[in-house]
Protein backbone atom coordinates (compact mmCIF):
# COMPACT_ATOMS: atom_id res chain seq x y z
CA MET A 1 -0.16 0.07 0.16
CA ALA A 2 2.73 2.16 0.69
CA ASN A 3 4.05 2.14 -2.91
CA GLU A 4 0.51 2.55 -4.67
CA ASP A 5 0.09 5.56 -2.09
CA LYS A 6 3.46 6.97 -3.59
CA PHE A 7 2.91 6.16 -6.81
CA GLU A 8 -0.60 7.88 -6.44
CA SER A 9 1.06 11.16 -4.70
CA MET A 10 3.52 11.62 -7.35
CA GLU A 11 0.51 11.51 -10.08
CA ALA A 12 -1.48 14.31 -7.85
CA GLN A 13 1.81 16.44 -8.12
CA PHE A 14 2.71 15.67 -11.92
CA THR A 15 -1.00 16.82 -12.75
CA LYS A 16 -0.91 19.87 -10.65
CA SER A 17 2.77 20.90 -11.91
CA LEU A 18 0.88 20.57 -15.49
CA GLU A 19 -1.94 23.00 -14.42
CA GLU A 20 0.86 25.37 -13.26
CA LEU A 21 2.75 25.45 -16.58
CA GLU A 22 -0.63 25.78 -18.69
CA SER A 23 -1.72 28.65 -15.96
CA ARG A 24 1.96 30.21 -16.83
CA LEU A 25 1.47 29.49 -20.45
CA ASN A 26 -1.40 31.38 -20.13
CA VAL A 27 -0.16 34.10 -18.66
CA LYS A 28 2.99 34.45 -21.31
CA ILE A 29 0.53 33.93 -24.22
CA ASP A 30 -1.58 36.95 -22.52
CA LYS A 31 1.49 38.88 -22.28
CA VAL A 32 2.44 38.31 -26.06
CA ILE A 33 -1.11 39.30 -27.51
CA GLU A 34 -0.91 42.45 -25.31
CA THR A 35 2.47 43.92 -26.57
CA LEU A 36 1.21 42.53 -30.13
CA ASP A 37 -1.69 45.34 -29.51
CA LYS A 38 0.38 47.67 -28.81
CA TYR A 39 2.70 47.65 -31.47
CA GLU A 40 0.85 46.15 -34.24
CA PRO A 41 -1.80 47.36 -36.37
CA HIS A 42 -4.97 45.91 -35.59
CA MET A 43 -6.32 43.29 -38.28
CA GLY A 44 -9.54 43.25 -36.58
CA ASP A 45 -11.03 38.90 -35.65
CA ILE A 46 -7.34 37.69 -37.14
CA THR A 47 -5.48 38.82 -33.75
CA ASN A 48 -8.13 37.18 -31.44
CA ASP A 49 -7.73 34.07 -33.73
CA ILE A 50 -3.69 34.36 -33.76
CA LYS A 51 -4.49 34.39 -29.53
CA ARG A 52 -6.79 31.72 -29.94
CA THR A 53 -4.78 29.69 -32.18
CA ILE A 54 -1.39 29.84 -30.34
CA SER A 55 -3.18 29.08 -27.00
CA ASN A 56 -4.95 25.97 -28.45
CA SER A 57 -1.43 24.88 -29.48
CA VAL A 58 0.40 25.21 -26.81
CA ILE A 59 -2.61 23.75 -24.48
CA GLY A 60 -2.61 21.05 -27.29
CA MET A 61 0.96 20.48 -27.48
CA VAL A 62 0.81 20.55 -22.92
CA LYS A 63 -1.47 18.17 -23.20
CA SER A 64 -0.46 15.55 -25.89
CA GLN A 65 2.73 15.57 -23.89
CA TYR A 66 0.56 14.91 -20.44
CA VAL A 67 -1.21 11.97 -22.07
CA SER A 68 1.77 10.51 -23.36
CA ILE A 69 3.41 11.04 -20.24
CA THR A 70 0.52 9.99 -18.06
CA LYS A 71 -0.08 6.73 -20.24
CA SER A 72 4.32 6.05 -19.40
CA ILE A 73 3.80 6.51 -15.02
CA LYS A 74 0.49 3.75 -15.37
CA GLN A 75 2.50 1.29 -17.63
CA GLU A 76 5.45 1.91 -14.98
CA LYS A 77 3.02 1.71 -12.09
CA LYS A 78 1.71 -1.81 -13.55
CA VAL A 79 5.32 -3.12 -14.20
CA LEU A 80 6.08 -1.70 -10.68
CA MET A 81 2.60 -2.90 -9.27
CA GLN A 82 3.35 -6.71 -10.85
CA ILE A 83 6.68 -6.39 -9.03
CA LYS A 84 5.21 -5.78 -6.13
CA ASN A 85 2.83 -8.47 -5.88
CA ASP A 86 5.76 -10.80 -6.55
CA ILE A 87 8.03 -9.36 -3.74
CA GLU A 88 4.75 -9.95 -1.52
CA THR A 89 4.44 -13.50 -2.26
CA ASN A 90 8.27 -14.14 -1.62
CA SER A 91 7.76 -12.02 1.50
CA LYS A 92 4.99 -14.11 2.72
CA GLN A 93 6.64 -17.17 2.04
CA MET A 94 9.74 -15.96 3.80
CA GLN A 95 7.76 -14.35 6.87
CA TYR A 96 5.96 -18.12 7.19
CA GLU A 97 9.52 -19.88 7.07
CA ILE A 98 11.11 -16.81 9.57
CA VAL A 99 7.87 -17.15 12.01
CA ASN A 100 8.04 -20.92 12.44
CA ALA A 101 11.33 -20.66 12.82
CA GLN A 102 10.87 -18.25 15.42
CA LYS A 103 7.95 -20.14 16.71
CA ILE A 104 10.44 -23.11 17.31
CA LEU A 105 12.94 -20.97 18.66
CA ASP A 106 11.02 -19.60 21.48
CA GLU A 107 9.34 -22.75 22.37
CA GLN A 108 12.90 -24.08 23.05
CA LEU A 109 14.26 -20.70 24.88
CA GLU A 110 11.09 -20.71 26.72
CA THR A 111 11.65 -24.06 27.90
CA ARG A 112 15.21 -23.30 28.62
CA TYR A 113 14.12 -20.24 30.58
CA SER A 114 11.70 -22.33 32.31
CA LEU A 115 13.92 -24.53 33.41
CA LYS A 116 16.49 -21.65 34.09
CA GLU A 117 14.04 -19.60 36.23
CA SER A 118 12.94 -22.77 38.08
CA GLU A 119 16.68 -23.38 38.85
CA ILE A 120 17.19 -19.88 40.08
CA ASP A 121 14.63 -20.26 41.97
CA ASN A 122 16.16 -22.76 43.98
CA THR A 123 19.02 -21.50 44.02
CA MET A 124 17.64 -17.73 45.11
CA ALA A 125 15.85 -19.85 48.29
CA LEU A 126 18.46 -21.98 49.12
CA PHE A 127 20.33 -18.52 49.19
CA GLN A 128 18.21 -17.21 51.72
CA ASN A 129 18.63 -20.24 53.83
CA GLU A 130 22.14 -20.07 53.79
CA SER A 131 24.16 -17.64 56.12
CA LEU A 132 26.24 -14.71 54.94
CA ASN A 133 29.59 -16.83 54.71
CA ASN A 134 27.78 -18.84 52.15
CA SER A 135 26.99 -15.71 50.21
CA LEU A 136 30.65 -15.85 48.10
CA ILE A 137 29.60 -19.97 46.92
CA PHE A 138 26.00 -18.78 46.14
CA LYS A 139 27.38 -16.30 43.68
CA ASN A 140 29.66 -18.34 42.18
CA LYS A 141 27.01 -21.11 41.45
CA PHE A 142 24.43 -18.08 40.19
CA ARG A 143 27.83 -16.98 37.85
CA ASP A 144 27.91 -20.69 36.77
CA ALA A 145 24.45 -21.10 35.96
CA LEU A 146 24.29 -17.80 34.25
CA GLU A 147 27.26 -18.94 31.85
CA ASP A 148 25.62 -22.23 31.69
CA LEU A 149 22.52 -20.75 30.34
CA ALA A 150 24.23 -18.52 27.88
CA ALA A 151 26.17 -21.63 27.03
CA LYS A 152 22.73 -23.54 26.18
CA ASP A 153 21.75 -20.38 24.59
CA ARG A 154 24.67 -20.59 22.25
CA TYR A 155 24.28 -24.39 21.78
CA ILE A 156 20.36 -23.80 20.36
CA GLU A 157 21.82 -21.00 18.05
CA SER A 158 24.03 -23.41 16.57
CA GLN A 159 21.18 -26.16 16.35
CA LEU A 160 19.08 -23.53 14.68
CA SER A 161 21.77 -22.65 12.51
CA ASN A 162 22.44 -26.48 11.74
CA ARG A 163 19.01 -26.86 11.30
CA ASP A 164 18.71 -24.40 8.12
CA SER A 165 21.43 -26.06 6.93
CA ALA A 166 19.88 -29.21 7.11
CA ILE A 167 16.99 -27.50 5.49
CA SER A 168 18.84 -25.81 2.49
CA SER A 169 20.74 -29.21 1.74
CA VAL A 170 17.42 -31.10 1.73
CA ARG A 171 15.97 -28.83 -0.80
CA SER A 172 19.10 -29.13 -2.91
CA SER A 173 18.66 -32.89 -2.63
CA VAL A 174 15.00 -32.74 -3.89
CA SER A 175 15.84 -30.88 -6.59
CA GLY A 176 18.25 -33.44 -7.89
CA HIS A 177 15.72 -35.61 -7.41
CA SER A 178 13.02 -33.96 -9.42
CA TYR A 179 15.84 -33.90 -12.42
CA ARG A 180 16.45 -37.39 -11.89
CA LEU A 181 12.69 -38.06 -11.82
CA SER A 182 12.28 -35.97 -15.02
CA SER A 183 14.97 -37.79 -16.44
CA ILE A 184 13.63 -41.34 -15.68
CA ASP A 185 10.17 -40.21 -17.43
CA SER A 186 12.27 -39.00 -20.35
CA LYS A 187 14.10 -42.53 -20.62
CA LEU A 188 10.14 -44.38 -19.77
CA SER A 189 8.58 -42.36 -23.09
CA SER A 190 11.70 -43.57 -25.12
CA TYR A 191 11.27 -47.18 -23.40
CA LYS A 192 7.63 -46.98 -24.84
CA SER A 193 8.55 -45.69 -27.85
CA ALA A 194 10.74 -48.63 -28.65
CA LEU A 195 8.49 -51.16 -27.12
CA ASP A 196 6.00 -49.50 -29.32
CA THR A 197 8.18 -50.41 -32.55
CA LEU A 198 8.90 -53.80 -31.23
CA THR A 199 5.53 -54.53 -31.50
CA SER A 200 4.89 -53.41 -34.37
CA ASN A 201 7.91 -55.19 -35.97
CA VAL A 202 6.17 -58.39 -34.07
CA MET A 203 3.15 -57.66 -35.71
CA SER A 204 4.52 -57.22 -38.78
CA TYR A 205 6.15 -60.70 -38.42
CA LYS A 206 2.84 -62.25 -37.17
CA SER A 207 1.27 -61.43 -40.48
CA SER A 208 4.37 -62.31 -42.49
CA ALA A 209 4.36 -66.02 -40.46
CA ASP A 210 0.84 -66.04 -41.40
CA SER A 211 1.77 -65.65 -44.78
CA VAL A 212 4.32 -68.30 -44.75
CA GLY A 213 2.07 -70.47 -43.05
CA TYR A 214 -0.44 -70.18 -45.71
CA ARG A 215 1.74 -70.87 -48.36
CA VAL A 216 3.14 -73.85 -46.32
CA GLY A 217 -0.61 -75.00 -46.38
CA GLY A 218 -0.79 -74.63 -49.79
CA ILE A 219 2.56 -76.63 -50.40
CA GLU A 220 1.14 -79.61 -47.92
CA THR A 221 -2.04 -79.57 -49.68
CA LYS A 222 -0.01 -79.99 -52.59
CA LEU A 223 2.09 -82.66 -51.30
CA SER A 224 -0.83 -84.58 -49.70
CA LYS A 225 -1.62 -86.95 -52.40
CA HIS A 226 1.13 -89.66 -52.66
CA SER A 227 1.75 -91.77 -55.53
CA SER A 228 4.52 -93.83 -56.24
CA PHE A 229 6.06 -97.13 -57.67
CA TYR A 230 9.12 -99.36 -58.33
CA ALA A 231 9.08 -102.79 -60.52
CA GLU A 232 11.45 -105.12 -61.90
CA ARG A 233 10.90 -107.41 -64.99
CA GLN A 234 10.45 -111.28 -64.14
CA THR A 235 11.50 -112.55 -67.41
CA HIS A 236 13.73 -111.89 -70.30
CA GLU A 237 12.56 -110.88 -73.60
CA ASP A 238 14.17 -111.75 -76.98
CA ASP A 239 13.81 -109.78 -80.38
CA MET A 240 11.11 -107.96 -79.46
CA PRO A 241 9.36 -105.52 -81.81
CA ASP A 242 9.18 -101.61 -82.19
CA GLY A 243 6.64 -100.03 -79.75
CA ILE A 244 6.04 -103.09 -77.54
CA ARG A 245 4.84 -102.35 -74.04
CA LEU A 246 6.95 -103.62 -71.35
CA ARG A 247 4.71 -105.31 -68.24
CA TYR A 248 7.24 -105.29 -64.81
CA GLY A 249 5.65 -108.00 -63.35
CA ASP A 250 7.79 -107.58 -59.76
CA VAL A 251 6.08 -104.59 -58.14
CA PHE A 252 8.23 -103.92 -54.81
CA ARG A 253 6.39 -100.68 -53.95
CA ASN A 254 2.74 -99.17 -55.37
CA GLU A 255 1.52 -96.56 -53.06
CA GLY A 256 -1.55 -95.12 -54.71
CA SER A 257 -2.27 -98.47 -56.39
CA ASP A 258 -1.68 -96.34 -59.92
CA TYR A 259 0.48 -98.75 -61.62
CA SER A 260 -0.44 -101.84 -63.30
CA SER A 261 1.41 -104.67 -63.86
CA VAL A 262 -1.03 -106.34 -66.10
CA THR A 263 -0.97 -103.20 -68.39
CA GLY A 264 2.03 -101.99 -67.72
CA TYR A 265 0.42 -98.16 -67.39
CA TYR A 266 1.50 -95.97 -64.58
CA THR A 267 -2.11 -93.78 -64.40
CA ALA A 268 -1.41 -90.01 -63.22
CA PRO A 269 -3.95 -89.90 -60.25
CA GLU A 270 -3.61 -85.86 -59.96
CA ASN A 271 -2.50 -83.03 -62.50
CA GLY A 272 1.34 -82.18 -61.59
CA VAL A 273 4.78 -82.71 -61.81
CA TYR A 274 5.90 -86.39 -61.37
CA LEU A 275 9.43 -88.05 -61.79
CA PHE A 276 10.06 -91.31 -63.93
CA TRP A 277 13.32 -93.63 -64.07
CA PHE A 278 13.65 -96.32 -66.34
CA SER A 279 16.70 -99.15 -66.78
CA VAL A 280 17.59 -101.64 -69.32
CA GLU A 281 20.19 -104.44 -69.20
CA ALA A 282 21.09 -106.22 -72.68
CA ARG A 283 21.52 -109.60 -72.96
CA TYR A 284 25.05 -110.74 -74.41
CA GLY A 285 25.59 -110.10 -77.85
CA LYS A 286 22.18 -108.10 -78.16
CA ARG A 287 21.14 -104.61 -78.00
CA ALA A 288 17.97 -103.35 -76.07
CA VAL A 289 16.68 -99.84 -76.55
CA LEU A 290 13.54 -98.44 -74.32
CA CYS A 291 11.62 -95.52 -74.29
CA LEU A 292 9.50 -92.97 -72.43
CA TYR A 293 5.63 -93.17 -73.71
CA HIS A 294 3.34 -90.81 -72.58
CA ASN A 295 -0.29 -91.90 -74.08
CA ASP A 296 1.43 -94.28 -76.17
CA ILE A 297 3.49 -91.61 -77.78
CA SER A 298 7.10 -91.87 -77.42
CA THR A 299 8.61 -89.08 -75.38
CA GLY A 300 12.06 -89.12 -77.09
CA ILE A 301 13.63 -89.92 -74.07
CA GLU A 302 15.56 -93.65 -74.37
CA SER A 303 17.77 -95.68 -72.42
CA PHE A 304 20.21 -98.10 -74.89
CA GLU A 305 22.71 -100.55 -73.58
CA GLU A 306 24.06 -103.67 -75.67
CA ASN A 307 26.53 -106.60 -75.15
CA GLY A 308 25.58 -107.27 -71.64
CA GLY A 309 25.24 -103.79 -70.08
CA GLY A 310 22.83 -101.57 -68.31
CA ALA A 311 22.09 -98.03 -68.37
CA GLY A 312 19.46 -95.40 -66.78
CA GLN A 313 17.41 -92.99 -67.49
CA VAL A 314 15.23 -89.98 -65.81
CA ALA A 315 12.64 -87.93 -67.43
CA PHE A 316 10.55 -85.03 -65.45
CA ILE A 317 6.96 -84.49 -66.79
CA TYR A 318 4.00 -82.65 -66.25
CA LEU A 319 0.76 -84.76 -66.46
CA SER A 320 -3.06 -84.54 -66.49
CA ARG A 321 -5.15 -86.65 -64.68
CA GLY A 322 -5.59 -89.46 -65.77
CA SER A 323 -2.57 -89.82 -68.15
CA LYS A 324 -1.03 -92.91 -68.81
CA VAL A 325 3.08 -93.78 -68.68
CA SER A 326 4.68 -96.84 -69.77
CA VAL A 327 8.33 -97.83 -71.20
CA ASN A 328 7.93 -99.46 -74.81
CA SER A 329 10.83 -100.79 -76.94
CA CYS A 330 11.77 -98.53 -79.49
CA PHE A 331 13.83 -100.30 -81.68
CA SER A 332 12.86 -103.79 -83.27
CA GLY A 333 15.05 -106.57 -82.64
CA SER A 334 15.77 -105.34 -78.75
CA SER A 335 16.86 -108.33 -76.11
CA ILE A 336 16.70 -107.58 -72.51
CA ASP A 337 17.75 -109.50 -69.41
CA PRO A 338 15.48 -108.94 -66.46
CA HIS A 339 18.51 -108.71 -64.16
CA ARG A 340 18.61 -104.67 -64.29
CA THR A 341 15.34 -103.97 -66.24
CA ALA A 342 13.12 -101.65 -63.53
CA PHE A 343 10.52 -99.10 -64.00
CA SER A 344 9.63 -96.38 -61.30
CA GLY A 345 7.76 -93.08 -60.75
CA VAL A 346 6.43 -90.77 -58.11
CA LEU A 347 4.12 -87.90 -57.77
CA LEU A 348 6.39 -84.67 -56.78
CA TYR A 349 3.93 -82.14 -56.18
CA THR A 350 0.66 -81.12 -57.62
CA LYS A 351 -0.24 -78.38 -59.91
């Protein structure tokens, strides 16, 4: 309130000074006009206009300066009032801490003084009961008691100083903990971001795994159909005509029962890719040429041997369901031995 009253007093003084300035200016203007009246020709209403014009111009300039200065004073007043409020807030906080510290000190001092007053009362009672010969002893005890009281007062002051230092240390520690908590919050935010990224990656991997699982399921579906066989000749043949289909009587494997030892045909159970292998052993001094046939038409894949030797051939073929595959003689006069003359096939995958 003292600062605000001071500002209001300054504003009133400034206003008063401006009014006095305006009054003095009017007096000076009147004197100027009076001089003009005396020493210059009269020009009717022009003189009056000059007076009013000069007066109004000066007054207008003064008022303009007054308004500008008043506005600046108000702005400065607003800033100073804000500073005043901040100072009052800090002063209240400091006053609150000082009052609490003073209250604690007063309570401790009151307790100490009460004890000392009790001791002094006891000492005075003892002094009154003792003889004059003991007065010196009593004075010494009284002095010692006072010195002890002073020492305890100094101890209390030291404790209060230590308490202030401890409070300052605690505040510094709290500030450090606050900084560390802020750092921990920042790290937690970083970990959360990394966890979100990891979760996104896991979801992406899961989607990829599902896609792979779907594809594996498709492959398993393609491989779910099993068909394979292996068969050998039981007897030899001499001078076979060209195109004669061989029948393999010893069937060691026939998964799916798709090979017939009666007809010599392997019948494709599904659309897909098949692997076939066939071998031939020629009779000694003879020649044997066998070819792989598809639906009774030669594929051009042949196995050739002569003079008791053996040979084999492999073929990959795409077959439609129901297609027939066989091994036929493709040389007129082929002579075969059953020992290493065999026919085998397997469904690799459906398509």
